[in-house]
Amino acid sequence: MLQEQSRLFQRLLFFADALIVIASWILAYYTRFELFPWLGIFPLPEWLPLSMYTRFIPWVLILSMLVFWASGLYVPDRAQRVTTLIYTVGKAIAIGILFAAAATSFYRAFYFSRLHMLLFGMYLPLLLVLLRLGIFYYLKRGRRQGRFLRRVLIIGAGRIGRRLEDSFRQYPWMGFETVGFLDDAKSDADDVIGTTDELGAILDRMEADGKPIQYVYIALPISATGKITALANEMSSRLAHVCLVPDLFQLNILNSRITDIGGLPVIHMIDEAPLDFRRAIKRLIDIAFSFVFLVLTSPILLFIALAVKLSSPGPVFYRQERMGLNGLTFDMLKFRSMPVDAEKKTGAVWAKPGEQRATRVGAFLRKTSLDELPQFINVLKGDMSVVGPRPERPVFIDQFRDQIPRYMLRHKMKAGITGWAQVNGWRGNTSIEKRIEFDLYYIQNWSLRLDLKIMLMTLWKGFVNENAY
């Protein structure tokens, strides 16, 4: 219910913002080309008709809405602070104006007015903030008058019930008001207003007092099937909506969600993240970033290839089997840093301090992570992503999968050149357990924003690392 209403609200806000983008673009035109000349300020070097600008509205609209969405503008504002609202809108606008200015600079058919772009960048955030403030204060005033409120009773005062109450508090704009909890036994907690056996009596009393319960959330462990059935039967003769929130956190879950097959609900407990629009954007970013990176660094790559070739006999690239998404293996590319027969006698060996197998050039490449640059070719091929858990060799995975709990869950995300574990120092001969902890955090909290943060952290401190050898 909360998710559905949140999604509806975000979609309505998305379309309202699209109208604001169009209005701001046109308003900026009339201010620059009509109002300012009429006032005698900022004389026109060249007058341009409105049609010259309106034909770019579809492109401005598409670019703006993509940037707004990717920057997190439609993630519900939990804090409900004006400063947070202004910051979020301002950040989205700044990124959008930057992209728009860069895009228009490539168009040479006529000169875009910089003052028009500046006015557009002023009108747009002002109208976006005013829209959100208007909605916020309208809802706030309505709730003071007793409108837009949904009274909620939560059955189960355990971890999942408390987390549910916290979610309602974090989304106050949805209007959910928790009146209390029911639990299996008496409790000293002030917000536990009775036991589950008293459900019917409590609902009747609240309705008689003119404060009926609209929603009952059952937040009990999945082992309490009998109790859940009894509560559902009790509620079948009443008008309140009943929602089941099973406590799955007692189990190891990853990318959990609910789908249906022929009308039967299916709970995904351990699964790869579903393919959605954000994943498509991530793939497009991978392709664009990798292509541009390889083109811009091609002189450096050629220089490194020559240095590798001259340092020792053998090929420039080293192909190593790694395991990626859903256990599929692929050949990961690196600049060769060791002699071709380095593992002939020892077999696969984990790199550790005091590593002596690398060539002189190879040791430098490893220390600076420059040997990893050819993996952008793997990204273009689709084997890897720019950001994700680092892939491992199958021979080592066979050792770790039974020794380290939840190790194989890291393969529910496409492998990456850099990752959350690596930028936090967990690379090389460091704790595998900590690395898995950070990898799973990334998978469970993945967003385009987190990817961007990891990429920036990699540029800042991810290349040269004391654990790289």
Foldseek 3Di string as FASTA:
>chain_A
DVVVVLVVVLVVLLVVLLVLLLVLLLVLLCCQQPVQVVVVHDDDPDHDDPVVRNVCSVVLSVLLSVLLVQLPVSPAQQVPDLVVNLVSLLVSLVVSLVVVVVVVVVDDPDDDDPSSSVSSSVSSSVVSSVVVVVLVVVLVVQVVVVPQAAEEEEEDPDDQSVVVVVVCNSRCSNRYDYQAYAYCDDDPDPRHPYHLVCVLVVQVVCVVVVRHHQEYEYEEAPVPVVSVVVSVVSCPVDRHHYHYDHPPVVDQFFLWDWDDDPNHIDIHGAAFHDDDPQVVVQLVCLQVVLVVVCVVCVVVVVVLLVVLVVQAPDHQWDWAWWAAAPRDIDTAIFGDFFYPCLCVPPPDDADDPPDDRGTPSSVVCQQQVVRRSVRSVVSNVVQAGQEAQATDHVVVCVVVVVPAPPQVSSNSDGHHSFYQCQLVPNDGPHDPNVSSVRRSVCSRPPGSVVVVVRVVSCVVPRRRHPRGD
